[in-house]
């Protein structure tokens, strides 16, 4: 990855931090796109200590996916300052939070996990095309299987179930990958998704575990869940490996292609979701 620039959203902790470290170990340059700049600076310092990377290999920039204004500002700065972008890794996510809305009035999980990254990718696509061959990596989840796209209530205003809302946002990630892959045919920009499995991260901070059950839960998580480094392996693989050069519109787990449920590759639903997402984030074509 020497000479290549990679953006990782949510790179200050968990899978994102481990992904950034993995790319840096391969001599890539990583732009850590994070809401918490202080936390990202600390994470960058720790990655430098672990990998021996120099200061130029890790750049911290603020990106708040809860705010479309922040997304636009981030992309404007990237386009102005960066001559090329080789890989965009849409990693950041919100998991099963209480019902809240983004700055722009979207349900938080759908707004951050899908719409924020939808606009981010759209605004950086020309730079990715100019830098081709280039790659887009979308982090989804196997919990997509429990999701459903209800076009009558994308904002969860009629009813809200935090687990369902997360699954829906992860299904949206896969439908986005499906439609974007179709649109990118012949561009030498590829997009692929992945499901990292159950990983020990702070993503589950909104999940309530009874006090008496916490010791058992912690023991099980350490014995059964993946480490962030293990969870990041497929992200790094899709970003860097020559094995997936030219591969388009697939979903991977443990660095192997997966067969998805039909609802994750439904072209009609994917196209409709794309069109509605454009309207929601204010893209005019």
C-alpha atoms as a PDB file:
ATOM      1  CA  UNK A   1       0.000   0.000   0.000  1.00  0.00           C
ATOM      2  CA  UNK A   2       3.039   2.259  -0.219  1.00  0.00           C
ATOM      3  CA  UNK A   3       2.011   5.580  -1.757  1.00  0.00           C
ATOM      4  CA  UNK A   4      -1.715   4.889  -1.374  1.00  0.00           C
ATOM      5  CA  UNK A   5      -4.163   6.955   0.655  1.00  0.00           C
ATOM      6  CA  UNK A   6      -7.001   5.303   2.563  1.00  0.00           C
ATOM      7  CA  UNK A   7      -9.881   6.961   4.425  1.00  0.00           C
ATOM      8  CA  UNK A   8     -11.308   4.986   7.368  1.00  0.00           C
ATOM      9  CA  UNK A   9     -14.413   6.340   9.070  1.00  0.00           C
ATOM     10  CA  UNK A  10     -14.707   5.681  12.799  1.00  0.00           C
ATOM     11  CA  UNK A  11     -10.985   4.913  13.014  1.00  0.00           C
ATOM     12  CA  UNK A  12     -10.566   6.000  16.630  1.00  0.00           C
ATOM     13  CA  UNK A  13     -11.643   2.672  18.180  1.00  0.00           C
ATOM     14  CA  UNK A  14     -12.645  -0.931  17.591  1.00  0.00           C
ATOM     15  CA  UNK A  15     -12.566  -2.354  14.080  1.00  0.00           C
ATOM     16  CA  UNK A  16     -11.828   1.051  12.569  1.00  0.00           C
ATOM     17  CA  UNK A  17      -8.723   1.578  14.672  1.00  0.00           C
ATOM     18  CA  UNK A  18      -7.518  -1.960  13.936  1.00  0.00           C
ATOM     19  CA  UNK A  19      -8.178  -1.408  10.227  1.00  0.00           C
ATOM     20  CA  UNK A  20      -6.140   1.794  10.253  1.00  0.00           C
ATOM     21  CA  UNK A  21      -3.280  -0.038  11.994  1.00  0.00           C
ATOM     22  CA  UNK A  22      -3.466  -2.880   9.464  1.00  0.00           C
ATOM     23  CA  UNK A  23      -3.204  -0.499   6.504  1.00  0.00           C
ATOM     24  CA  UNK A  24      -0.356   1.421   8.134  1.00  0.00           C
ATOM     25  CA  UNK A  25       1.553  -1.843   8.654  1.00  0.00           C
ATOM     26  CA  UNK A  26       1.329  -2.308   4.877  1.00  0.00           C
ATOM     27  CA  UNK A  27       2.858   1.188   4.501  1.00  0.00           C
ATOM     28  CA  UNK A  28      -0.369   2.855   3.442  1.00  0.00           C
ATOM     29  CA  UNK A  29      -1.325   6.366   4.500  1.00  0.00           C
ATOM     30  CA  UNK A  30      -4.536   6.576   6.527  1.00  0.00           C
ATOM     31  CA  UNK A  31      -6.887   9.503   7.006  1.00  0.00           C
ATOM     32  CA  UNK A  32      -8.741   8.795  10.244  1.00  0.00           C
ATOM     33  CA  UNK A  33     -12.195  10.336   9.742  1.00  0.00           C
ATOM     34  CA  UNK A  34     -13.703  10.625  13.219  1.00  0.00           C
ATOM     35  CA  UNK A  35     -16.284  12.579  15.175  1.00  0.00           C
ATOM     36  CA  UNK A  36     -14.122  12.578  18.323  1.00  0.00           C
ATOM     37  CA  UNK A  37     -10.913  14.281  17.227  1.00  0.00           C
ATOM     38  CA  UNK A  38      -9.283  14.017  20.667  1.00  0.00           C
ATOM     39  CA  UNK A  39      -9.959  10.274  20.794  1.00  0.00           C
ATOM     40  CA  UNK A  40      -8.680   9.891  17.235  1.00  0.00           C
ATOM     41  CA  UNK A  41      -5.432  11.727  18.045  1.00  0.00           C
ATOM     42  CA  UNK A  42      -4.893   9.378  20.984  1.00  0.00           C
ATOM     43  CA  UNK A  43      -5.646   6.357  18.787  1.00  0.00           C
ATOM     44  CA  UNK A  44      -3.196   7.647  16.156  1.00  0.00           C
ATOM     45  CA  UNK A  45      -0.505   7.996  18.814  1.00  0.00           C
ATOM     46  CA  UNK A  46      -1.107   4.406  19.951  1.00  0.00           C
ATOM     47  CA  UNK A  47      -0.985   3.100  16.364  1.00  0.00           C
ATOM     48  CA  UNK A  48       2.301   4.909  15.774  1.00  0.00           C
ATOM     49  CA  UNK A  49       3.745   3.328  18.910  1.00  0.00           C
ATOM     50  CA  UNK A  50       2.538  -0.152  17.885  1.00  0.00           C
ATOM     51  CA  UNK A  51       3.593   0.001  14.235  1.00  0.00           C
ATOM     52  CA  UNK A  52       6.525   2.403  14.160  1.00  0.00           C
ATOM     53  CA  UNK A  53       4.691   4.483  11.549  1.00  0.00           C
ATOM     54  CA  UNK A  54       5.857   8.030  10.954  1.00  0.00           C
ATOM     55  CA  UNK A  55       3.578  11.022  11.513  1.00  0.00           C
ATOM     56  CA  UNK A  56       2.812  11.396   7.801  1.00  0.00           C
ATOM     57  CA  UNK A  57       1.145   7.967   7.649  1.00  0.00           C
ATOM     58  CA  UNK A  58      -1.713   8.932   9.967  1.00  0.00           C
ATOM     59  CA  UNK A  59      -3.834  12.044   9.519  1.00  0.00           C
ATOM     60  CA  UNK A  60      -6.787  12.860  11.779  1.00  0.00           C
ATOM     61  CA  UNK A  61      -9.746  14.778  10.340  1.00  0.00           C
ATOM     62  CA  UNK A  62     -13.103  15.522  11.890  1.00  0.00           C
ATOM     63  CA  UNK A  63     -16.126  13.843  10.336  1.00  0.00           C
ATOM     64  CA  UNK A  64     -19.466  13.701  12.119  1.00  0.00           C
ATOM     65  CA  UNK A  65     -21.780  11.423  10.161  1.00  0.00           C
ATOM     66  CA  UNK A  66     -24.703  12.731  12.233  1.00  0.00           C
ATOM     67  CA  UNK A  67     -24.357  15.995  10.303  1.00  0.00           C
ATOM     68  CA  UNK A  68     -24.627  16.334   6.543  1.00  0.00           C
ATOM     69  CA  UNK A  69     -22.926  19.728   6.874  1.00  0.00           C
ATOM     70  CA  UNK A  70     -19.949  18.009   8.524  1.00  0.00           C
ATOM     71  CA  UNK A  71     -19.865  15.398   5.739  1.00  0.00           C
ATOM     72  CA  UNK A  72     -19.827  18.109   3.081  1.00  0.00           C
ATOM     73  CA  UNK A  73     -17.115  20.097   4.881  1.00  0.00           C
ATOM     74  CA  UNK A  74     -14.955  16.989   5.274  1.00  0.00           C
ATOM     75  CA  UNK A  75     -15.284  16.082   1.604  1.00  0.00           C
ATOM     76  CA  UNK A  76     -14.614  19.627   0.445  1.00  0.00           C
ATOM     77  CA  UNK A  77     -11.370  19.632   2.447  1.00  0.00           C
ATOM     78  CA  UNK A  78     -10.327  16.203   1.163  1.00  0.00           C
ATOM     79  CA  UNK A  79     -10.915  17.184  -2.462  1.00  0.00           C
ATOM     80  CA  UNK A  80      -8.984  20.422  -1.921  1.00  0.00           C
ATOM     81  CA  UNK A  81      -6.026  18.862  -0.070  1.00  0.00           C
ATOM     82  CA  UNK A  82      -5.643  15.320  -1.425  1.00  0.00           C
ATOM     83  CA  UNK A  83      -4.326  14.642  -4.934  1.00  0.00           C
ATOM     84  CA  UNK A  84      -5.646  11.069  -4.815  1.00  0.00           C
ATOM     85  CA  UNK A  85      -7.827   8.667  -2.842  1.00  0.00           C
ATOM     86  CA  UNK A  86      -7.211   4.961  -3.320  1.00  0.00           C
ATOM     87  CA  UNK A  87      -9.576   3.399  -0.796  1.00  0.00           C
ATOM     88  CA  UNK A  88     -12.638   4.586   1.131  1.00  0.00           C
ATOM     89  CA  UNK A  89     -13.648   2.346   4.051  1.00  0.00           C
ATOM     90  CA  UNK A  90     -17.140   3.105   5.356  1.00  0.00           C
ATOM     91  CA  UNK A  91     -16.651   1.626   8.813  1.00  0.00           C
ATOM     92  CA  UNK A  92     -18.232   3.941  11.410  1.00  0.00           C
ATOM     93  CA  UNK A  93     -21.520   2.894  12.940  1.00  0.00           C
ATOM     94  CA  UNK A  94     -24.078   3.347  15.695  1.00  0.00           C
ATOM     95  CA  UNK A  95     -25.541   0.215  17.323  1.00  0.00           C
ATOM     96  CA  UNK A  96     -28.940  -0.120  18.979  1.00  0.00           C
ATOM     97  CA  UNK A  97     -29.058   3.359  20.480  1.00  0.00           C
ATOM     98  CA  UNK A  98     -32.225   4.814  22.048  1.00  0.00           C
ATOM     99  CA  UNK A  99     -34.437   6.715  19.623  1.00  0.00           C
ATOM    100  CA  UNK A 100     -32.671   9.929  18.713  1.00  0.00           C
ATOM    101  CA  UNK A 101     -32.355  11.997  15.560  1.00  0.00           C
ATOM    102  CA  UNK A 102     -29.386  13.353  13.677  1.00  0.00           C
ATOM    103  CA  UNK A 103     -28.786  17.045  13.174  1.00  0.00           C
ATOM    104  CA  UNK A 104     -30.793  16.793   9.961  1.00  0.00           C
ATOM    105  CA  UNK A 105     -33.739  15.001  11.541  1.00  0.00           C
ATOM    106  CA  UNK A 106     -33.016  11.391  10.524  1.00  0.00           C
ATOM    107  CA  UNK A 107     -33.336   8.409  12.872  1.00  0.00           C
ATOM    108  CA  UNK A 108     -29.812   8.058  14.250  1.00  0.00           C
ATOM    109  CA  UNK A 109     -28.894   4.542  13.096  1.00  0.00           C
ATOM    110  CA  UNK A 110     -30.281   4.986   9.576  1.00  0.00           C
ATOM    111  CA  UNK A 111     -28.808   8.489   9.407  1.00  0.00           C
ATOM    112  CA  UNK A 112     -25.275   7.558  10.475  1.00  0.00           C
ATOM    113  CA  UNK A 113     -24.920   3.999   9.215  1.00  0.00           C
ATOM    114  CA  UNK A 114     -26.534   4.571   5.822  1.00  0.00           C
ATOM    115  CA  UNK A 115     -27.268   8.181   4.864  1.00  0.00           C
ATOM    116  CA  UNK A 116     -24.059   9.755   6.189  1.00  0.00           C
ATOM    117  CA  UNK A 117     -21.921   7.233   4.329  1.00  0.00           C
ATOM    118  CA  UNK A 118     -24.172   7.502   1.254  1.00  0.00           C
ATOM    119  CA  UNK A 119     -23.436  11.224   0.959  1.00  0.00           C
ATOM    120  CA  UNK A 120     -19.766  10.763   1.862  1.00  0.00           C
ATOM    121  CA  UNK A 121     -19.272   8.218  -0.918  1.00  0.00           C
ATOM    122  CA  UNK A 122     -21.164  10.328  -3.444  1.00  0.00           C
ATOM    123  CA  UNK A 123     -19.041  13.407  -2.767  1.00  0.00           C
ATOM    124  CA  UNK A 124     -15.731  11.498  -2.939  1.00  0.00           C
ATOM    125  CA  UNK A 125     -16.597   9.419  -5.995  1.00  0.00           C
ATOM    126  CA  UNK A 126     -14.999  11.720  -8.568  1.00  0.00           C
ATOM    127  CA  UNK A 127     -11.701  11.680  -6.647  1.00  0.00           C
ATOM    128  CA  UNK A 128     -11.865   7.882  -6.397  1.00  0.00           C
ATOM    129  CA  UNK A 129     -12.493   7.671 -10.152  1.00  0.00           C
ATOM    130  CA  UNK A 130      -9.556   9.989 -10.862  1.00  0.00           C
ATOM    131  CA  UNK A 131      -7.372   7.721  -8.703  1.00  0.00           C
ATOM    132  CA  UNK A 132      -8.526   4.443 -10.296  1.00  0.00           C
ATOM    133  CA  UNK A 133      -8.016   1.610  -9.837  1.00  0.00           C
ATOM    134  CA  UNK A 134      -9.545   2.366  -6.455  1.00  0.00           C
ATOM    135  CA  UNK A 135     -11.812   0.675  -3.942  1.00  0.00           C
ATOM    136  CA  UNK A 136     -14.776   1.296  -1.659  1.00  0.00           C
ATOM    137  CA  UNK A 137     -15.301  -1.013   1.321  1.00  0.00           C
ATOM    138  CA  UNK A 138     -18.616  -1.080   3.185  1.00  0.00           C
ATOM    139  CA  UNK A 139     -18.840  -2.606   6.667  1.00  0.00           C
ATOM    140  CA  UNK A 140     -22.233  -4.250   7.177  1.00  0.00           C
ATOM    141  CA  UNK A 141     -23.350  -6.966   9.620  1.00  0.00           C
ATOM    142  CA  UNK A 142     -24.936 -10.408   9.513  1.00  0.00           C
ATOM    143  CA  UNK A 143     -27.765  -8.832  11.487  1.00  0.00           C
ATOM    144  CA  UNK A 144     -28.964  -7.477   8.118  1.00  0.00           C
ATOM    145  CA  UNK A 145     -30.931 -10.740   7.966  1.00  0.00           C
ATOM    146  CA  UNK A 146     -33.374  -9.375  10.546  1.00  0.00           C
ATOM    147  CA  UNK A 147     -33.854  -6.098   8.705  1.00  0.00           C
ATOM    148  CA  UNK A 148     -36.537  -4.885   6.337  1.00  0.00           C
ATOM    149  CA  UNK A 149     -36.755  -1.714   4.265  1.00  0.00           C
ATOM    150  CA  UNK A 150     -40.096  -0.093   5.037  1.00  0.00           C
ATOM    151  CA  UNK A 151     -40.296   2.791   2.593  1.00  0.00           C
ATOM    152  CA  UNK A 152     -43.349   4.114   4.431  1.00  0.00           C
ATOM    153  CA  UNK A 153     -41.354   4.680   7.640  1.00  0.00           C
ATOM    154  CA  UNK A 154     -37.626   4.967   6.928  1.00  0.00           C
ATOM    155  CA  UNK A 155     -37.325   7.478   9.762  1.00  0.00           C
ATOM    156  CA  UNK A 156     -38.979   5.173  12.358  1.00  0.00           C
ATOM    157  CA  UNK A 157     -41.534   7.820  13.232  1.00  0.00           C
ATOM    158  CA  UNK A 158     -44.448   5.359  13.348  1.00  0.00           C
ATOM    159  CA  UNK A 159     -42.605   2.851  15.540  1.00  0.00           C
ATOM    160  CA  UNK A 160     -39.052   2.278  16.759  1.00  0.00           C
ATOM    161  CA  UNK A 161     -37.261  -0.899  17.731  1.00  0.00           C
ATOM    162  CA  UNK A 162     -33.552  -0.279  18.223  1.00  0.00           C
ATOM    163  CA  UNK A 163     -32.490  -3.787  17.176  1.00  0.00           C
ATOM    164  CA  UNK A 164     -34.654  -3.716  14.052  1.00  0.00           C
ATOM    165  CA  UNK A 165     -33.428  -0.211  13.190  1.00  0.00           C
ATOM    166  CA  UNK A 166     -29.808  -1.389  13.325  1.00  0.00           C
ATOM    167  CA  UNK A 167     -30.561  -4.433  11.154  1.00  0.00           C
ATOM    168  CA  UNK A 168     -32.384  -2.222   8.656  1.00  0.00           C
ATOM    169  CA  UNK A 169     -29.405   0.136   8.420  1.00  0.00           C
ATOM    170  CA  UNK A 170     -27.080  -2.814   7.778  1.00  0.00           C
ATOM    171  CA  UNK A 171     -29.421  -4.149   5.093  1.00  0.00           C
ATOM    172  CA  UNK A 172     -29.346  -0.660   3.576  1.00  0.00           C
ATOM    173  CA  UNK A 173     -25.523  -0.895   3.478  1.00  0.00           C
ATOM    174  CA  UNK A 174     -25.755  -4.044   1.366  1.00  0.00           C
ATOM    175  CA  UNK A 175     -28.412  -2.625  -0.966  1.00  0.00           C
ATOM    176  CA  UNK A 176     -26.233   0.485  -1.365  1.00  0.00           C
ATOM    177  CA  UNK A 177     -23.280  -1.745  -2.282  1.00  0.00           C
ATOM    178  CA  UNK A 178     -25.430  -3.624  -4.793  1.00  0.00           C
ATOM    179  CA  UNK A 179     -26.660  -0.475  -6.568  1.00  0.00           C
ATOM    180  CA  UNK A 180     -23.316   1.327  -6.426  1.00  0.00           C
ATOM    181  CA  UNK A 181     -21.581  -1.699  -7.963  1.00  0.00           C
ATOM    182  CA  UNK A 182     -24.033  -1.560 -10.871  1.00  0.00           C
ATOM    183  CA  UNK A 183     -23.366   2.145 -11.375  1.00  0.00           C
ATOM    184  CA  UNK A 184     -19.579   1.705 -11.204  1.00  0.00           C
ATOM    185  CA  UNK A 185     -19.275  -0.960 -13.903  1.00  0.00           C
ATOM    186  CA  UNK A 186     -16.419  -0.036 -16.217  1.00  0.00           C
ATOM    187  CA  UNK A 187     -15.105   2.757 -13.968  1.00  0.00           C
ATOM    188  CA  UNK A 188     -12.198   0.785 -12.444  1.00  0.00           C
ATOM    189  CA  UNK A 189     -13.618   1.663  -9.018  1.00  0.00           C
ATOM    190  CA  UNK A 190     -14.858  -1.370  -7.113  1.00  0.00           C
ATOM    191  CA  UNK A 191     -17.178  -1.598  -4.132  1.00  0.00           C
ATOM    192  CA  UNK A 192     -17.546  -4.605  -1.865  1.00  0.00           C
ATOM    193  CA  UNK A 193     -19.119  -5.164   1.531  1.00  0.00           C
ATOM    194  CA  UNK A 194     -18.219  -7.304   4.518  1.00  0.00           C
ATOM    195  CA  UNK A 195     -19.676  -8.676   7.720  1.00  0.00           C
ATOM    196  CA  UNK A 196     -17.016  -8.733  10.472  1.00  0.00           C
ATOM    197  CA  UNK A 197     -18.775 -11.080  12.901  1.00  0.00           C
ATOM    198  CA  UNK A 198     -19.186 -10.503  16.625  1.00  0.00           C
ATOM    199  CA  UNK A 199     -16.284  -8.336  17.760  1.00  0.00           C
ATOM    200  CA  UNK A 200     -15.297  -6.958  21.169  1.00  0.00           C
ATOM    201  CA  UNK A 201     -15.772  -3.219  20.622  1.00  0.00           C
ATOM    202  CA  UNK A 202     -17.563  -0.325  22.281  1.00  0.00           C
ATOM    203  CA  UNK A 203     -20.250  -0.463  19.576  1.00  0.00           C
ATOM    204  CA  UNK A 204     -22.561  -2.226  22.037  1.00  0.00           C
ATOM    205  CA  UNK A 205     -22.381   0.519  24.649  1.00  0.00           C
ATOM    206  CA  UNK A 206     -26.130   1.111  24.359  1.00  0.00           C
ATOM    207  CA  UNK A 207     -26.964  -2.543  25.026  1.00  0.00           C
ATOM    208  CA  UNK A 208     -28.066  -3.124  28.631  1.00  0.00           C
ATOM    209  CA  UNK A 209     -26.522  -6.094  30.431  1.00  0.00           C
ATOM    210  CA  UNK A 210     -27.868  -6.773  33.960  1.00  0.00           C
ATOM    211  CA  UNK A 211     -25.270  -6.092  36.655  1.00  0.00           C
ATOM    212  CA  UNK A 212     -25.274  -9.673  37.938  1.00  0.00           C
ATOM    213  CA  UNK A 213     -24.757 -11.020  34.420  1.00  0.00           C
ATOM    214  CA  UNK A 214     -21.862  -8.729  33.492  1.00  0.00           C
ATOM    215  CA  UNK A 215     -19.024 -10.989  34.795  1.00  0.00           C
ATOM    216  CA  UNK A 216     -20.378 -13.921  32.767  1.00  0.00           C
ATOM    217  CA  UNK A 217     -20.972 -11.716  29.729  1.00  0.00           C
ATOM    218  CA  UNK A 218     -17.424 -10.346  29.904  1.00  0.00           C
ATOM    219  CA  UNK A 219     -15.996 -13.865  30.225  1.00  0.00           C
ATOM    220  CA  UNK A 220     -18.003 -15.097  27.249  1.00  0.00           C
ATOM    221  CA  UNK A 221     -17.090 -12.072  25.150  1.00  0.00           C
ATOM    222  CA  UNK A 222     -13.381 -12.675  25.668  1.00  0.00           C
ATOM    223  CA  UNK A 223     -13.679 -16.372  24.860  1.00  0.00           C
ATOM    224  CA  UNK A 224     -16.184 -16.247  21.986  1.00  0.00           C
ATOM    225  CA  UNK A 225     -16.008 -12.803  20.372  1.00  0.00           C
ATOM    226  CA  UNK A 226     -13.349 -11.733  17.892  1.00  0.00           C
ATOM    227  CA  UNK A 227     -10.698  -9.206  18.830  1.00  0.00           C
ATOM    228  CA  UNK A 228     -10.814  -5.903  16.905  1.00  0.00           C
ATOM    229  CA  UNK A 229      -7.733  -7.066  14.985  1.00  0.00           C
ATOM    230  CA  UNK A 230      -9.497 -10.271  13.935  1.00  0.00           C
ATOM    231  CA  UNK A 231     -12.630  -8.297  13.078  1.00  0.00           C
ATOM    232  CA  UNK A 232     -10.617  -5.924  10.885  1.00  0.00           C
ATOM    233  CA  UNK A 233      -8.943  -8.633   8.802  1.00  0.00           C
ATOM    234  CA  UNK A 234     -11.576  -8.638   6.059  1.00  0.00           C
ATOM    235  CA  UNK A 235     -11.630  -4.835   5.866  1.00  0.00           C
ATOM    236  CA  UNK A 236      -7.866  -4.782   5.350  1.00  0.00           C
ATOM    237  CA  UNK A 237      -8.113  -7.668   2.877  1.00  0.00           C
ATOM    238  CA  UNK A 238     -10.702  -5.877   0.738  1.00  0.00           C
ATOM    239  CA  UNK A 239      -8.732  -2.628   0.903  1.00  0.00           C
ATOM    240  CA  UNK A 240      -5.345  -4.081   0.035  1.00  0.00           C
ATOM    241  CA  UNK A 241      -5.334  -7.596  -1.384  1.00  0.00           C
ATOM    242  CA  UNK A 242      -4.604  -8.231  -5.077  1.00  0.00           C
ATOM    243  CA  UNK A 243      -6.917 -11.263  -4.742  1.00  0.00           C
ATOM    244  CA  UNK A 244      -9.985  -9.007  -5.003  1.00  0.00           C
ATOM    245  CA  UNK A 245      -8.730  -6.699  -7.734  1.00  0.00           C
ATOM    246  CA  UNK A 246     -11.651  -6.109 -10.091  1.00  0.00           C
ATOM    247  CA  UNK A 247     -14.134  -7.942  -7.852  1.00  0.00           C
ATOM    248  CA  UNK A 248     -17.363  -5.970  -7.784  1.00  0.00           C
ATOM    249  CA  UNK A 249     -20.505  -5.938  -5.630  1.00  0.00           C
ATOM    250  CA  UNK A 250     -19.756  -8.922  -3.397  1.00  0.00           C
ATOM    251  CA  UNK A 251     -20.006  -9.422   0.360  1.00  0.00           C
ATOM    252  CA  UNK A 252     -17.193 -11.098   2.301  1.00  0.00           C
ATOM    253  CA  UNK A 253     -16.759 -12.651   5.729  1.00  0.00           C
ATOM    254  CA  UNK A 254     -13.442 -13.999   7.028  1.00  0.00           C
ATOM    255  CA  UNK A 255     -11.909 -12.940   3.694  1.00  0.00           C
ATOM    256  CA  UNK A 256     -14.234 -15.229   1.734  1.00  0.00           C
ATOM    257  CA  UNK A 257     -17.201 -14.301  -0.479  1.00  0.00           C
ATOM    258  CA  UNK A 258     -20.625 -14.970   1.025  1.00  0.00           C
ATOM    259  CA  UNK A 259     -24.021 -15.794  -0.422  1.00  0.00           C
ATOM    260  CA  UNK A 260     -26.513 -13.158   0.701  1.00  0.00           C
ATOM    261  CA  UNK A 261     -30.248 -13.427   1.214  1.00  0.00           C
ATOM    262  CA  UNK A 262     -32.251 -12.283  -1.788  1.00  0.00           C
ATOM    263  CA  UNK A 263     -33.490  -9.176   0.037  1.00  0.00           C
ATOM    264  CA  UNK A 264     -29.901  -7.864   0.205  1.00  0.00           C
ATOM    265  CA  UNK A 265     -29.452  -8.040  -3.572  1.00  0.00           C
ATOM    266  CA  UNK A 266     -32.942  -7.031  -4.728  1.00  0.00           C
ATOM    267  CA  UNK A 267     -32.126  -4.640  -7.569  1.00  0.00           C
ATOM    268  CA  UNK A 268     -35.539  -2.980  -7.570  1.00  0.00           C
ATOM    269  CA  UNK A 269     -35.409  -2.232  -3.835  1.00  0.00           C
ATOM    270  CA  UNK A 270     -31.758  -1.144  -4.087  1.00  0.00           C
ATOM    271  CA  UNK A 271     -32.562   1.306  -6.894  1.00  0.00           C
ATOM    272  CA  UNK A 272     -35.580   2.725  -5.029  1.00  0.00           C
ATOM    273  CA  UNK A 273     -33.583   3.120  -1.813  1.00  0.00           C
ATOM    274  CA  UNK A 274     -30.855   4.917  -3.776  1.00  0.00           C
ATOM    275  CA  UNK A 275     -33.312   7.381  -5.291  1.00  0.00           C
ATOM    276  CA  UNK A 276     -34.954   8.116  -1.931  1.00  0.00           C
ATOM    277  CA  UNK A 277     -31.558   8.451  -0.215  1.00  0.00           C
ATOM    278  CA  UNK A 278     -30.520  11.057  -2.788  1.00  0.00           C
ATOM    279  CA  UNK A 279     -33.589  13.112  -1.935  1.00  0.00           C
ATOM    280  CA  UNK A 280     -33.039  12.722   1.813  1.00  0.00           C
ATOM    281  CA  UNK A 281     -29.437  13.969   1.706  1.00  0.00           C
ATOM    282  CA  UNK A 282     -30.152  16.705  -0.828  1.00  0.00           C
ATOM    283  CA  UNK A 283     -28.371  15.358  -3.899  1.00  0.00           C
ATOM    284  CA  UNK A 284     -29.739  16.931  -7.072  1.00  0.00           C
ATOM    285  CA  UNK A 285     -28.873  15.310 -10.388  1.00  0.00           C
END
